[in-house]
């Protein structure tokens, strides 16, 4: 999803407009997470995110920091915000081979 959202609306309070943007982003993420994963080695969906006043000024942020990024752009007084959320598949991490260490218990009483 690549989209430019307006942060102002004559008929709505600015906070409600921002809440609507956050809701749209959460709905998109929820919809993407419902999609089937293509293989058994793929474990989960992850998201590449960018947020900024314009597409040129957009900074890469983690999905967990996206909402805070929206609040930061609104705090600058911008009239619009650019949001990019792209889904990607994440594979299961490779488990390194761990050598088992035998422990001996002393039963001296």
N, C-alpha and C. Protein backbone atom coordinates (compact mmCIF):
# COMPACT_ATOMS: atom_id res chain seq x y z
N UNK A 1 0.85 -1.16 0.00
CA UNK A 1 0.00 0.00 0.00
C UNK A 1 0.90 1.23 0.00
N UNK A 2 0.77 2.03 -1.00
CA UNK A 2 1.45 3.31 -1.07
C UNK A 2 0.35 4.36 -1.22
N UNK A 3 0.28 5.25 -0.26
CA UNK A 3 -0.85 6.18 -0.28
C UNK A 3 -0.48 7.49 0.40
N UNK A 4 -1.07 8.57 -0.10
CA UNK A 4 -0.95 9.88 0.51
C UNK A 4 -2.29 10.19 1.17
N UNK A 5 -2.26 10.39 2.48
CA UNK A 5 -3.47 10.69 3.25
C UNK A 5 -3.49 12.18 3.57
N UNK A 6 -4.66 12.79 3.50
CA UNK A 6 -4.83 14.17 3.94
C UNK A 6 -5.05 14.18 5.44
N UNK A 7 -4.37 15.07 6.14
CA UNK A 7 -4.49 15.15 7.59
C UNK A 7 -5.54 16.15 8.04
N UNK A 8 -6.15 16.85 7.09
CA UNK A 8 -7.18 17.83 7.44
C UNK A 8 -8.46 17.52 6.67
N UNK A 9 -9.57 17.81 7.33
CA UNK A 9 -10.88 17.68 6.72
C UNK A 9 -11.77 18.72 7.37
N UNK A 10 -12.51 19.46 6.54
CA UNK A 10 -13.35 20.53 7.07
C UNK A 10 -14.45 20.01 7.99
N UNK A 11 -14.92 18.80 7.75
CA UNK A 11 -16.06 18.27 8.48
C UNK A 11 -15.67 17.45 9.71
N UNK A 12 -14.40 17.13 9.85
CA UNK A 12 -13.96 16.28 10.96
C UNK A 12 -12.84 16.94 11.75
N UNK A 13 -12.75 16.56 13.00
CA UNK A 13 -11.66 17.02 13.86
C UNK A 13 -10.38 16.33 13.40
N UNK A 14 -9.25 17.02 13.54
CA UNK A 14 -7.96 16.49 13.07
C UNK A 14 -7.61 15.15 13.72
N UNK A 15 -7.94 14.99 14.99
CA UNK A 15 -7.64 13.74 15.68
C UNK A 15 -8.44 12.57 15.10
N UNK A 16 -9.69 12.83 14.69
CA UNK A 16 -10.51 11.77 14.12
C UNK A 16 -9.99 11.37 12.74
N UNK A 17 -9.48 12.35 11.99
CA UNK A 17 -8.90 12.06 10.68
C UNK A 17 -7.67 11.17 10.85
N UNK A 18 -6.83 11.48 11.82
CA UNK A 18 -5.64 10.68 12.08
C UNK A 18 -6.02 9.28 12.55
N UNK A 19 -7.04 9.17 13.38
CA UNK A 19 -7.52 7.86 13.81
C UNK A 19 -8.02 7.03 12.63
N UNK A 20 -8.66 7.66 11.68
CA UNK A 20 -9.12 6.98 10.48
C UNK A 20 -7.97 6.45 9.63
N UNK A 21 -6.90 7.21 9.54
CA UNK A 21 -5.71 6.78 8.80
C UNK A 21 -5.09 5.56 9.48
N UNK A 22 -4.97 5.62 10.80
CA UNK A 22 -4.41 4.50 11.55
C UNK A 22 -5.28 3.25 11.37
N UNK A 23 -6.59 3.44 11.36
CA UNK A 23 -7.51 2.32 11.18
C UNK A 23 -7.33 1.70 9.79
N UNK A 24 -7.17 2.53 8.75
CA UNK A 24 -6.97 2.01 7.40
C UNK A 24 -5.69 1.18 7.32
N UNK A 25 -4.64 1.64 7.98
CA UNK A 25 -3.37 0.91 7.96
C UNK A 25 -3.52 -0.43 8.68
N UNK A 26 -4.18 -0.41 9.82
CA UNK A 26 -4.37 -1.67 10.58
C UNK A 26 -5.24 -2.66 9.80
N UNK A 27 -6.27 -2.16 9.09
CA UNK A 27 -7.11 -3.03 8.28
C UNK A 27 -6.30 -3.67 7.15
N UNK A 28 -5.43 -2.89 6.51
CA UNK A 28 -4.59 -3.42 5.44
C UNK A 28 -3.67 -4.51 5.97
N UNK A 29 -3.03 -4.27 7.10
CA UNK A 29 -2.11 -5.26 7.68
C UNK A 29 -2.86 -6.52 8.05
N UNK A 30 -4.03 -6.39 8.65
CA UNK A 30 -4.82 -7.55 9.03
C UNK A 30 -5.22 -8.36 7.80
N UNK A 31 -5.59 -7.68 6.73
CA UNK A 31 -5.97 -8.35 5.49
C UNK A 31 -4.78 -9.09 4.88
N UNK A 32 -3.60 -8.48 4.91
CA UNK A 32 -2.40 -9.11 4.37
C UNK A 32 -1.99 -10.33 5.20
N UNK A 33 -2.14 -10.26 6.50
CA UNK A 33 -1.77 -11.38 7.37
C UNK A 33 -2.66 -12.60 7.16
N UNK A 34 -3.88 -12.38 6.68
CA UNK A 34 -4.81 -13.48 6.44
C UNK A 34 -4.45 -14.29 5.20
N UNK A 35 -3.65 -13.73 4.31
CA UNK A 35 -3.30 -14.42 3.08
C UNK A 35 -2.49 -15.67 3.40
N UNK A 36 -2.68 -16.70 2.58
CA UNK A 36 -1.95 -17.95 2.77
C UNK A 36 -0.48 -17.77 2.44
N UNK A 37 0.35 -18.43 3.23
CA UNK A 37 1.78 -18.42 2.98
C UNK A 37 2.09 -19.46 1.91
N UNK A 38 3.01 -19.19 0.98
CA UNK A 38 3.21 -20.07 -0.16
C UNK A 38 3.87 -21.42 0.14
N UNK A 39 4.65 -21.50 1.20
CA UNK A 39 5.32 -22.77 1.48
C UNK A 39 5.42 -23.01 2.98
N UNK A 40 5.79 -24.24 3.32
CA UNK A 40 5.91 -24.57 4.74
C UNK A 40 7.13 -23.92 5.38
N UNK A 41 8.12 -23.58 4.56
CA UNK A 41 9.32 -22.96 5.13
C UNK A 41 9.08 -21.49 5.47
N UNK A 42 8.03 -20.90 4.89
CA UNK A 42 7.69 -19.52 5.19
C UNK A 42 6.88 -19.50 6.47
N UNK A 43 7.32 -18.65 7.41
CA UNK A 43 6.73 -18.70 8.74
C UNK A 43 5.68 -17.61 8.98
N UNK A 44 5.93 -16.39 8.52
CA UNK A 44 5.01 -15.31 8.83
C UNK A 44 5.18 -14.15 7.84
N UNK A 45 4.23 -13.21 7.90
CA UNK A 45 4.30 -11.99 7.10
C UNK A 45 4.99 -10.90 7.91
N UNK A 46 5.86 -10.15 7.26
CA UNK A 46 6.51 -9.00 7.86
C UNK A 46 6.22 -7.81 6.95
N UNK A 47 6.48 -6.60 7.42
CA UNK A 47 6.12 -5.42 6.65
C UNK A 47 7.27 -4.41 6.61
N UNK A 48 7.54 -3.92 5.40
CA UNK A 48 8.49 -2.83 5.19
C UNK A 48 7.67 -1.54 5.17
N UNK A 49 8.04 -0.58 6.01
CA UNK A 49 7.22 0.62 6.15
C UNK A 49 8.05 1.88 5.93
N UNK A 50 7.40 2.88 5.38
CA UNK A 50 7.97 4.22 5.24
C UNK A 50 6.88 5.21 5.60
N UNK A 51 7.28 6.31 6.22
CA UNK A 51 6.32 7.36 6.56
C UNK A 51 7.03 8.70 6.48
N UNK A 52 6.31 9.71 5.97
CA UNK A 52 6.88 11.05 5.87
C UNK A 52 5.85 12.02 5.33
N UNK A 53 6.23 13.29 5.29
CA UNK A 53 5.32 14.32 4.79
C UNK A 53 5.10 14.16 3.29
N UNK A 54 6.15 13.74 2.57
CA UNK A 54 6.05 13.46 1.13
C UNK A 54 6.77 12.15 0.85
N UNK A 55 6.61 11.65 -0.36
CA UNK A 55 7.26 10.39 -0.74
C UNK A 55 8.78 10.54 -0.73
N UNK A 56 9.28 11.74 -1.08
CA UNK A 56 10.73 11.97 -1.09
C UNK A 56 11.31 12.06 0.31
N UNK A 57 10.52 12.56 1.25
CA UNK A 57 10.99 12.74 2.63
C UNK A 57 10.72 11.53 3.51
N UNK A 58 10.07 10.50 2.98
CA UNK A 58 9.66 9.35 3.78
C UNK A 58 10.87 8.61 4.32
N UNK A 59 10.80 8.25 5.60
CA UNK A 59 11.87 7.52 6.27
C UNK A 59 11.41 6.09 6.52
N UNK A 60 12.35 5.17 6.45
CA UNK A 60 12.07 3.77 6.72
C UNK A 60 11.89 3.59 8.23
N UNK A 61 10.80 2.96 8.62
CA UNK A 61 10.53 2.69 10.03
C UNK A 61 10.04 1.25 10.18
N UNK A 62 10.19 0.71 11.36
CA UNK A 62 9.65 -0.61 11.66
C UNK A 62 8.14 -0.49 11.78
N UNK A 63 7.43 -1.59 11.54
CA UNK A 63 5.97 -1.55 11.62
C UNK A 63 5.50 -1.10 13.00
N UNK A 64 6.21 -1.51 14.04
CA UNK A 64 5.82 -1.14 15.40
C UNK A 64 5.95 0.37 15.63
N UNK A 65 6.79 1.05 14.85
CA UNK A 65 7.02 2.48 15.01
C UNK A 65 6.21 3.32 14.00
N UNK A 66 5.42 2.68 13.17
CA UNK A 66 4.69 3.40 12.13
C UNK A 66 3.69 4.40 12.70
N UNK A 67 2.95 4.01 13.72
CA UNK A 67 1.95 4.89 14.32
C UNK A 67 2.62 6.10 14.96
N UNK A 68 3.75 5.88 15.63
CA UNK A 68 4.49 6.99 16.21
C UNK A 68 5.01 7.93 15.12
N UNK A 69 5.38 7.36 13.98
CA UNK A 69 5.82 8.17 12.84
C UNK A 69 4.71 9.04 12.30
N UNK A 70 3.49 8.50 12.26
CA UNK A 70 2.34 9.30 11.83
C UNK A 70 2.10 10.46 12.77
N UNK A 71 2.18 10.19 14.07
CA UNK A 71 2.00 11.26 15.06
C UNK A 71 3.09 12.32 14.92
N UNK A 72 4.31 11.91 14.62
CA UNK A 72 5.41 12.86 14.46
C UNK A 72 5.20 13.76 13.24
N UNK A 73 4.71 13.19 12.14
CA UNK A 73 4.45 13.99 10.95
C UNK A 73 3.33 14.97 11.22
N UNK A 74 2.29 14.54 11.92
CA UNK A 74 1.18 15.44 12.25
C UNK A 74 1.65 16.58 13.15
N UNK A 75 2.59 16.27 14.06
CA UNK A 75 3.09 17.30 14.98
C UNK A 75 3.88 18.39 14.24
N UNK A 76 4.41 18.08 13.07
CA UNK A 76 5.16 19.09 12.31
C UNK A 76 4.23 20.08 11.63
N UNK A 77 2.93 19.78 11.59
CA UNK A 77 1.97 20.68 10.97
C UNK A 77 1.74 20.41 9.50
N UNK A 78 2.16 19.25 9.01
CA UNK A 78 1.98 18.91 7.60
C UNK A 78 0.49 18.72 7.29
N UNK A 79 0.12 19.00 6.06
CA UNK A 79 -1.28 18.85 5.62
C UNK A 79 -1.53 17.46 5.06
N UNK A 80 -0.47 16.75 4.64
CA UNK A 80 -0.59 15.41 4.09
C UNK A 80 0.51 14.53 4.66
N UNK A 81 0.27 13.22 4.61
CA UNK A 81 1.27 12.26 5.07
C UNK A 81 1.34 11.13 4.06
N UNK A 82 2.58 10.73 3.73
CA UNK A 82 2.81 9.61 2.81
C UNK A 82 3.09 8.37 3.64
N UNK A 83 2.36 7.29 3.35
CA UNK A 83 2.54 6.03 4.07
C UNK A 83 2.74 4.92 3.05
N UNK A 84 3.77 4.11 3.29
CA UNK A 84 4.04 2.95 2.44
C UNK A 84 4.19 1.74 3.35
N UNK A 85 3.37 0.73 3.11
CA UNK A 85 3.43 -0.52 3.88
C UNK A 85 3.42 -1.65 2.86
N UNK A 86 4.54 -2.38 2.78
CA UNK A 86 4.67 -3.47 1.82
C UNK A 86 4.88 -4.78 2.57
N UNK A 87 4.04 -5.78 2.26
CA UNK A 87 4.13 -7.08 2.92
C UNK A 87 5.25 -7.90 2.30
N UNK A 88 5.94 -8.66 3.14
CA UNK A 88 6.97 -9.59 2.65
C UNK A 88 6.90 -10.85 3.49
N UNK A 89 7.27 -11.97 2.86
CA UNK A 89 7.24 -13.26 3.55
C UNK A 89 8.56 -13.46 4.28
N UNK A 90 8.47 -13.98 5.49
CA UNK A 90 9.69 -14.27 6.26
C UNK A 90 9.80 -15.77 6.45
N UNK A 91 10.98 -16.30 6.18
CA UNK A 91 11.23 -17.73 6.34
C UNK A 91 11.59 -18.05 7.77
N UNK A 92 11.48 -19.34 8.09
CA UNK A 92 11.89 -19.79 9.41
C UNK A 92 13.39 -19.58 9.54
N UNK A 93 13.83 -19.09 10.68
CA UNK A 93 15.28 -18.92 10.86
C UNK A 93 15.96 -20.28 10.97
N UNK A 94 17.16 -20.35 10.43
CA UNK A 94 17.94 -21.58 10.51
C UNK A 94 18.44 -21.76 11.93
N UNK A 95 18.26 -22.96 12.46
CA UNK A 95 18.72 -23.24 13.81
C UNK A 95 20.17 -23.71 13.75
N UNK A 96 21.05 -23.05 14.47
CA UNK A 96 22.43 -23.53 14.49
C UNK A 96 22.53 -24.81 15.30
N UNK A 97 23.43 -25.68 14.89
CA UNK A 97 23.59 -26.94 15.59
C UNK A 97 24.24 -26.68 16.94
N UNK A 98 23.61 -27.17 17.98
CA UNK A 98 24.11 -26.95 19.34
C UNK A 98 24.59 -28.29 19.88
N UNK A 99 25.81 -28.28 20.39
CA UNK A 99 26.35 -29.50 20.96
C UNK A 99 25.81 -29.65 22.38
N UNK A 100 25.37 -30.85 22.68
CA UNK A 100 24.84 -31.11 24.01
C UNK A 100 26.00 -31.31 24.97
N UNK A 101 25.92 -30.67 26.10
CA UNK A 101 26.94 -30.78 27.13
C UNK A 101 26.38 -31.67 28.23
N UNK A 102 27.12 -32.74 28.55
CA UNK A 102 26.66 -33.65 29.58
C UNK A 102 27.09 -33.10 30.93
N UNK A 103 26.16 -33.11 31.84
CA UNK A 103 26.48 -32.65 33.20
C UNK A 103 26.40 -33.86 34.12
N UNK A 104 27.33 -33.94 34.99
CA UNK A 104 27.32 -35.04 35.94
C UNK A 104 26.95 -34.50 37.29
N UNK A 105 26.07 -35.20 37.93
CA UNK A 105 25.62 -34.76 39.25
C UNK A 105 26.36 -35.55 40.33
N UNK A 106 26.93 -34.85 41.27
CA UNK A 106 27.60 -35.51 42.38
C UNK A 106 26.56 -35.80 43.45
N UNK A 107 26.52 -37.05 43.85
CA UNK A 107 25.54 -37.45 44.84
C UNK A 107 26.19 -37.69 46.18
N UNK A 108 27.14 -36.87 46.54
CA UNK A 108 27.79 -36.98 47.86
C UNK A 108 26.90 -36.36 48.91
N UNK A 109 26.62 -37.15 49.93
CA UNK A 109 25.76 -36.66 50.99
C UNK A 109 26.51 -36.53 52.27
